[in-house]
Protein backbone atom coordinates (compact mmCIF):
# COMPACT_ATOMS: atom_id res chain seq x y z
CA MET A 1 87.64 95.61 96.57
CA ASN A 2 91.08 95.16 94.98
CA LEU A 3 92.95 97.00 92.28
CA ALA A 4 96.34 97.15 90.55
CA LEU A 5 97.78 99.86 88.33
CA ALA A 6 100.15 99.47 85.36
CA GLY A 7 100.75 102.69 83.48
CA ASP A 8 97.37 103.68 82.07
CA ILE A 9 95.75 100.28 82.70
CA LEU A 10 93.72 99.36 85.78
CA ALA A 11 92.89 95.82 86.85
CA ALA A 12 89.99 95.89 89.30
CA GLY A 13 88.31 93.06 91.15
CA GLN A 14 84.50 93.05 91.00
CA ASP A 15 83.01 90.07 92.82
CA ALA A 16 84.31 86.97 90.99
CA HIS A 17 85.58 88.89 87.95
CA CYS A 18 88.61 90.96 86.99
CA GLN A 19 87.83 94.07 84.96
CA LEU A 20 90.58 95.55 82.79
CA LEU A 21 90.22 99.29 82.14
CA ARG A 22 92.28 101.92 80.34
CA PHE A 23 92.09 105.51 81.49
CA GLN A 24 93.26 108.77 79.95
CA ALA A 25 93.60 112.10 81.72
CA HIS A 26 92.62 115.28 79.88
CA GLN A 27 92.93 118.87 81.03
CA GLN A 28 89.45 120.33 80.91
CA LYS A 29 89.06 124.00 80.16
CA GLY A 30 85.93 126.00 79.56
CA ASN A 31 84.41 129.41 79.95
CA LYS A 32 81.00 129.98 81.40
CA ALA A 33 79.46 133.39 81.00
CA GLU A 34 77.26 134.73 83.74
CA LYS A 35 75.57 138.02 84.34
CA ALA A 36 76.76 140.25 87.12
CA GLY A 37 74.62 139.89 90.19
CA SER A 38 72.95 136.68 88.99
CA LYS A 39 72.40 134.09 91.70
CA GLU A 40 71.28 131.30 89.40
CA GLN A 41 74.40 130.82 87.29
CA GLY A 42 78.00 129.99 88.16
CA PRO A 43 79.54 128.66 91.37
CA ARG A 44 78.43 129.97 94.73
CA GLN A 45 80.93 132.23 96.49
CA ARG A 46 81.62 132.19 100.21
CA LYS A 47 81.06 135.41 102.08
CA GLY A 48 84.15 137.58 102.02
CA ALA A 49 85.78 135.54 99.25
CA ALA A 50 87.02 137.42 96.23
CA PRO A 51 85.02 136.36 93.18
CA ALA A 52 87.10 134.76 90.42
CA GLU A 53 85.56 136.98 87.77
CA LYS A 54 86.79 139.38 85.16
CA LYS A 55 84.21 142.08 84.63
CA CYS A 56 83.60 143.32 81.12
CA GLY A 57 80.80 145.78 80.56
CA GLY A 58 77.64 144.67 82.31
CA GLY A 59 78.52 140.99 82.66
CA ALA A 60 81.25 138.68 83.95
CA GLU A 61 82.99 135.54 82.73
CA THR A 62 84.14 132.69 84.98
CA GLN A 63 86.74 130.19 83.78
CA HIS A 64 86.52 126.58 84.97
CA GLU A 65 89.49 124.23 84.78
CA GLY A 66 89.83 120.65 85.92
CA LEU A 67 91.11 117.17 85.12
CA GLU A 68 88.85 114.80 83.26
CA LEU A 69 89.39 111.03 83.32
CA ARG A 70 88.10 109.02 80.38
CA VAL A 71 87.78 105.31 81.08
CA GLU A 72 87.58 102.57 78.46
CA ASN A 73 86.53 98.98 79.17
CA LEU A 74 89.09 96.57 77.69
CA GLN A 75 88.30 93.05 78.93
CA ALA A 76 86.62 91.18 81.76
CA VAL A 77 87.10 87.60 82.90
CA GLN A 78 85.94 85.40 85.78
CA THR A 79 88.89 84.66 88.05
CA ASP A 80 87.34 82.71 90.95
CA PHE A 81 85.09 79.65 90.86
CA SER A 82 84.31 78.72 94.48
CA SER A 83 80.77 78.22 95.79
CA ASP A 84 80.86 81.86 96.97
CA PRO A 85 83.28 83.28 94.36
CA LEU A 86 85.29 86.40 95.11
CA GLN A 87 88.54 87.75 93.68
CA LYS A 88 90.54 88.99 96.67
CA VAL A 89 93.83 90.16 95.11
CA VAL A 90 95.31 91.14 91.75
CA CYS A 91 98.83 92.30 90.80
CA PHE A 92 100.93 92.93 87.69
CA ASN A 93 104.40 91.55 87.02
CA HIS A 94 107.48 93.81 86.71
CA ASP A 95 107.01 94.62 82.99
CA ASN A 96 103.17 94.74 83.10
CA THR A 97 102.75 91.95 80.52
CA LEU A 98 101.06 89.56 82.96
CA LEU A 99 98.73 89.84 85.91
CA ALA A 100 98.02 87.30 88.65
CA THR A 101 94.77 86.88 90.56
CA GLY A 102 93.79 84.97 93.69
CA GLY A 103 90.53 84.45 95.52
CA THR A 104 88.40 82.31 97.76
CA ASP A 105 88.92 79.06 95.81
CA GLY A 106 92.68 79.00 96.62
CA TYR A 107 93.78 79.01 92.97
CA VAL A 108 96.35 81.32 91.41
CA ARG A 109 95.57 82.28 87.82
CA VAL A 110 97.94 84.22 85.58
CA TRP A 111 96.64 86.20 82.58
CA LYS A 112 98.15 88.00 79.60
CA VAL A 113 97.70 91.78 79.40
CA PRO A 114 95.56 93.15 77.82
CA SER A 115 93.88 90.11 76.24
CA LEU A 116 93.30 88.35 79.61
CA GLU A 117 94.20 85.04 78.01
CA LYS A 118 94.91 82.53 80.80
CA VAL A 119 98.49 81.22 80.74
CA LEU A 120 98.74 79.48 84.13
CA GLU A 121 96.44 78.00 86.79
CA PHE A 122 97.30 76.00 89.90
CA LYS A 123 96.06 75.29 93.42
CA ALA A 124 98.17 77.31 95.86
CA HIS A 125 96.27 77.09 99.17
CA GLU A 126 93.54 75.15 100.92
CA GLY A 127 91.07 77.96 101.34
CA GLU A 128 91.25 81.67 100.57
CA ILE A 129 94.30 83.43 99.18
CA GLU A 130 94.90 86.58 101.22
CA ASP A 131 97.65 88.19 99.13
CA LEU A 132 100.21 87.52 96.41
CA ALA A 133 103.30 89.27 95.04
CA LEU A 134 105.21 88.84 91.77
CA GLY A 135 108.97 89.32 91.91
CA PRO A 136 111.19 90.67 89.11
CA ASP A 137 112.75 87.21 88.63
CA GLY A 138 109.39 85.59 87.94
CA LYS A 139 108.92 84.12 91.42
CA LEU A 140 105.47 84.36 92.95
CA VAL A 141 104.74 84.53 96.69
CA THR A 142 101.28 83.64 97.98
CA VAL A 143 99.82 83.80 101.50
CA GLY A 144 96.58 82.10 102.51
CA ARG A 145 94.12 81.37 105.28
CA ASP A 146 95.71 77.94 105.72
CA LEU A 147 98.54 79.68 107.70
CA LYS A 148 101.02 79.08 104.86
CA ALA A 149 103.19 81.37 102.77
CA SER A 150 104.63 79.76 99.64
CA VAL A 151 107.16 80.71 96.98
CA TRP A 152 106.45 79.48 93.44
CA GLN A 153 108.29 79.38 90.14
CA LYS A 154 105.37 79.14 87.73
CA ASN A 155 103.33 76.26 89.24
CA GLN A 156 106.27 74.57 91.01
CA LEU A 157 106.66 75.04 94.75
CA VAL A 158 110.15 76.42 95.52
CA THR A 159 109.90 76.74 99.29
CA GLN A 160 107.63 77.80 102.13
CA LEU A 161 108.31 80.61 104.57
CA HIS A 162 109.00 79.44 108.13
CA TRP A 163 108.29 82.26 110.56
CA GLN A 164 106.18 80.62 113.24
CA GLU A 165 108.84 78.00 113.98
CA ASN A 166 111.52 80.60 114.73
CA GLY A 167 109.35 83.61 115.51
CA PRO A 168 109.07 85.48 118.83
CA THR A 169 105.64 84.01 119.65
CA PHE A 170 104.47 81.07 121.69
CA SER A 171 103.53 77.96 119.74
CA SER A 172 100.08 78.00 121.37
CA THR A 173 99.26 81.24 119.51
CA PRO A 174 98.77 80.44 115.82
CA TYR A 175 99.57 83.21 113.37
CA ARG A 176 98.78 83.55 109.70
CA TYR A 177 100.31 85.66 106.96
CA GLN A 178 98.11 88.63 106.02
CA ALA A 179 100.13 90.44 103.34
CA CYS A 180 103.32 90.16 101.27
CA ARG A 181 105.26 92.61 99.08
CA PHE A 182 108.59 92.62 97.27
CA GLY A 183 110.85 95.65 97.61
CA GLN A 184 114.19 96.84 96.33
CA VAL A 185 117.20 97.19 98.59
CA PRO A 186 118.25 100.87 98.61
CA ASP A 187 121.68 101.44 96.98
CA GLN A 188 121.76 97.79 95.82
CA PRO A 189 120.28 97.56 92.29
CA ALA A 190 120.36 93.75 92.32
CA GLY A 191 119.14 93.41 95.91
CA LEU A 192 115.65 92.19 96.71
CA ARG A 193 113.66 91.94 99.94
CA LEU A 194 110.34 90.32 100.74
CA PHE A 195 108.18 91.86 103.46
CA THR A 196 105.32 90.06 105.19
CA VAL A 197 102.81 90.83 107.91
CA GLN A 198 101.77 88.16 110.43
CA ILE A 199 98.54 88.52 112.42
CA PRO A 200 96.88 86.27 115.04
CA HIS A 201 94.76 83.63 113.35
CA LYS A 202 91.99 84.01 115.94
CA ARG A 203 90.67 87.04 117.77
CA LEU A 204 91.44 86.90 121.48
CA ARG A 205 90.18 88.97 124.40
CA GLN A 206 93.74 90.18 124.97
CA PRO A 207 95.04 90.34 121.40
CA PRO A 208 98.70 89.44 120.91
CA PRO A 209 100.83 91.75 118.76
CA CYS A 210 101.09 91.63 114.98
CA TYR A 211 104.53 91.31 113.39
CA LEU A 212 106.37 92.75 110.42
CA THR A 213 109.15 90.61 108.88
CA ALA A 214 111.86 91.24 106.29
CA TRP A 215 113.11 88.25 104.28
CA ASP A 216 116.10 87.75 102.00
CA GLY A 217 114.72 87.85 98.47
CA SER A 218 117.07 85.15 97.16
CA ASN A 219 116.97 82.37 99.78
CA PHE A 220 113.78 83.52 101.61
CA LEU A 221 115.31 83.29 105.07
CA PRO A 222 114.08 85.79 107.71
CA LEU A 223 116.40 88.76 108.29
CA ARG A 224 114.54 90.56 111.08
CA THR A 225 111.10 90.71 112.60
CA LYS A 226 109.49 93.32 114.85
CA SER A 227 106.17 93.86 116.57
CA CYS A 228 103.95 96.47 114.91
CA GLY A 229 101.37 96.87 117.66
CA HIS A 230 98.20 95.11 118.76
CA GLU A 231 95.94 96.53 116.03
CA VAL A 232 95.26 93.93 113.33
CA ILE A 233 97.06 94.85 110.10
CA SER A 234 94.87 94.92 106.98
CA CYS A 235 97.26 96.01 104.20
CA LEU A 236 100.94 96.55 103.37
CA ASN A 237 102.85 98.41 100.66
CA VAL A 238 106.48 99.28 99.85
CA SER A 239 107.81 102.54 98.44
CA GLU A 240 109.34 102.61 94.96
CA SER A 241 112.93 102.66 96.25
CA GLY A 242 112.28 100.09 98.98
CA THR A 243 113.05 102.64 101.72
CA PHE A 244 109.65 102.81 103.44
CA LEU A 245 106.80 100.46 104.35
CA GLY A 246 103.20 101.59 104.67
CA LEU A 247 100.66 99.79 106.91
CA GLY A 248 96.92 100.09 107.40
CA THR A 249 94.83 98.47 110.13
CA VAL A 250 91.27 97.17 110.53
CA THR A 251 90.59 99.99 113.02
CA GLY A 252 91.59 102.68 110.51
CA SER A 253 95.10 103.51 111.71
CA VAL A 254 97.96 104.27 109.29
CA ALA A 255 101.72 103.91 109.86
CA ILE A 256 105.00 104.37 107.96
CA TYR A 257 108.04 102.24 108.81
CA ILE A 258 111.68 102.26 107.70
CA ALA A 259 112.26 99.13 105.65
CA PHE A 260 115.85 98.55 106.78
CA SER A 261 115.31 98.56 110.55
CA LEU A 262 111.50 98.10 110.68
CA GLN A 263 111.36 101.19 112.91
CA CYS A 264 108.10 103.15 113.06
CA LEU A 265 108.48 106.74 111.80
CA TYR A 266 104.86 107.87 111.53
CA TYR A 267 101.61 106.72 113.10
CA VAL A 268 98.07 108.14 113.12
CA ARG A 269 95.60 106.26 115.29
CA GLU A 270 92.19 105.67 113.66
CA ALA A 271 92.86 108.07 110.80
CA HIS A 272 89.81 106.57 109.08
CA GLY A 273 87.98 104.91 111.97
CA ILE A 274 87.20 101.83 109.86
CA VAL A 275 89.10 99.21 107.85
CA VAL A 276 91.91 100.60 105.69
CA THR A 277 91.65 98.66 102.40
CA ASP A 278 94.89 99.84 100.78
CA VAL A 279 97.85 102.19 101.07
CA ALA A 280 100.14 103.50 98.30
CA PHE A 281 103.21 105.72 98.25
CA LEU A 282 103.61 108.75 96.03
CA PRO A 283 105.91 107.81 93.10
CA GLU A 284 109.52 108.82 93.60
CA LYS A 285 110.09 109.55 89.91
CA GLY A 286 108.47 111.99 87.48
CA ARG A 287 106.61 114.72 89.34
CA GLY A 288 106.90 112.89 92.66
CA PRO A 289 109.86 114.86 94.09
CA GLU A 290 108.27 118.13 92.99
CA LEU A 291 105.03 117.29 94.78
CA LEU A 292 106.85 116.09 97.91
CA GLY A 293 108.56 119.41 98.48
CA SER A 294 110.38 119.34 101.82
CA HIS A 295 108.81 116.04 102.91
CA GLU A 296 110.60 112.71 102.83
CA THR A 297 107.70 110.63 101.54
CA ALA A 298 103.94 110.69 101.15
CA LEU A 299 101.47 107.85 101.70
CA PHE A 300 97.88 107.67 100.45
CA SER A 301 95.35 105.57 102.36
CA VAL A 302 91.83 104.50 101.35
CA ALA A 303 89.25 102.86 103.57
CA VAL A 304 85.71 101.56 103.74
CA ASP A 305 84.61 105.09 104.70
CA SER A 306 85.13 106.00 100.98
CA ARG A 307 87.78 108.58 101.84
CA CYS A 308 91.34 109.00 100.60
CA GLN A 309 93.83 110.59 102.97
CA LEU A 310 97.35 111.90 102.36
CA HIS A 311 99.99 111.31 105.04
CA LEU A 312 103.20 113.37 104.81
CA LEU A 313 106.43 112.32 106.53
CA PRO A 314 108.59 115.37 107.35
CA SER A 315 112.25 115.14 106.42
CA ARG A 316 114.34 113.88 109.30
CA ARG A 317 117.08 116.24 110.41
CA SER A 318 120.57 114.90 109.85
CA VAL A 319 123.92 116.21 111.10
CA PRO A 320 126.49 116.89 108.34
CA VAL A 321 129.59 114.69 108.36
CA TRP A 322 131.92 117.71 108.52
CA LEU A 323 130.19 118.91 111.70
CA LEU A 324 130.63 115.48 113.33
CA LEU A 325 134.32 115.49 112.46
CA LEU A 326 134.70 119.01 113.86
CA LEU A 327 133.00 117.98 117.10
CA CYS A 328 135.30 114.94 117.41
CA VAL A 329 138.41 117.08 116.92
CA GLY A 330 137.13 119.61 119.47
CA LEU A 331 136.42 116.84 121.98
CA ILE A 332 139.97 115.48 121.59
CA VAL A 333 141.49 118.94 122.10
CA VAL A 334 139.38 119.60 125.22
CA THR A 335 140.33 116.19 126.65
CA ILE A 336 144.06 116.88 126.14
CA LEU A 337 143.78 120.31 127.80
CA LEU A 338 141.95 118.84 130.80
CA LEU A 339 144.57 116.13 131.21
CA GLN A 340 147.35 118.71 130.94
CA SER A 341 145.77 120.90 133.65
CA ALA A 342 145.16 117.92 135.96
CA PHE A 343 148.55 116.33 135.41
CA PRO A 344 151.22 118.96 134.68
CA GLY A 345 153.91 117.58 132.46
CA PHE A 346 151.48 115.12 130.89
CA LEU A 347 152.70 116.12 127.46
């Protein structure tokens, strides 16, 4: 139900436990000989499709290639100890040496990687922890069912986020924080933003909107907040460069927002038709740009329907600066000529 990735290591939540796995990808190659005309061996071919065979004498040989994942169990540890224990969230820190877990008992527990030796444990919320995020400076943000969002330095409370007090909603409509993620500030290597999603605490017949908020990553004051529709948000993620935000909803919809202005760029209603459990952007380094091609970004979404979908955001057309300057100069010239014709002797 929850998973985090750090290089070749996966941390996966399974009921009340966290399972640490290491995976390796291997290119699988093999040749499978089959007789010409045989219907029992080899892959079935669609009608009209050219068979991927190389005939030699009276037989044929089909080559099969694929990617094989080999998974190794490293460690497992119980991370939640409530009466109905369930780990709800797991995440790695910036250098992948630690991972933090949260669950239904309201405790945050921090573990060494890969030994899963516990290094920190403290009560963060009264009730379930919905999400948590580890910042590059060691700060930890947690959001819970108790309507609170807290910032921690190890087990010391630094501050709490105050959105409801200054938010665009009526005080009679309680909201709770559903998700939180840190993100870089594009073109500012030292800049840091925190993004949160606020949803109505109770389901109403006429549901109020959900909200997306950007916070200053140093003083944790709100920078801007915008409505993101009436569908209840289920998950949030930030692209590697901090440029885009990805959202999934409980009704299966998927959206991509610009992180700076919180403007919606892409939206597919009920792409899955059931709860979206997580979204993740294609990496922007390595083979990422090659796979993107002419698209600006790509977002993967997974849902309870056991499907993974790829959402591509086409590159937005931009006008070159030199063309804007040329248009400005042309506009000035036309304005002068019009004034000269209307008022002779103007110049």
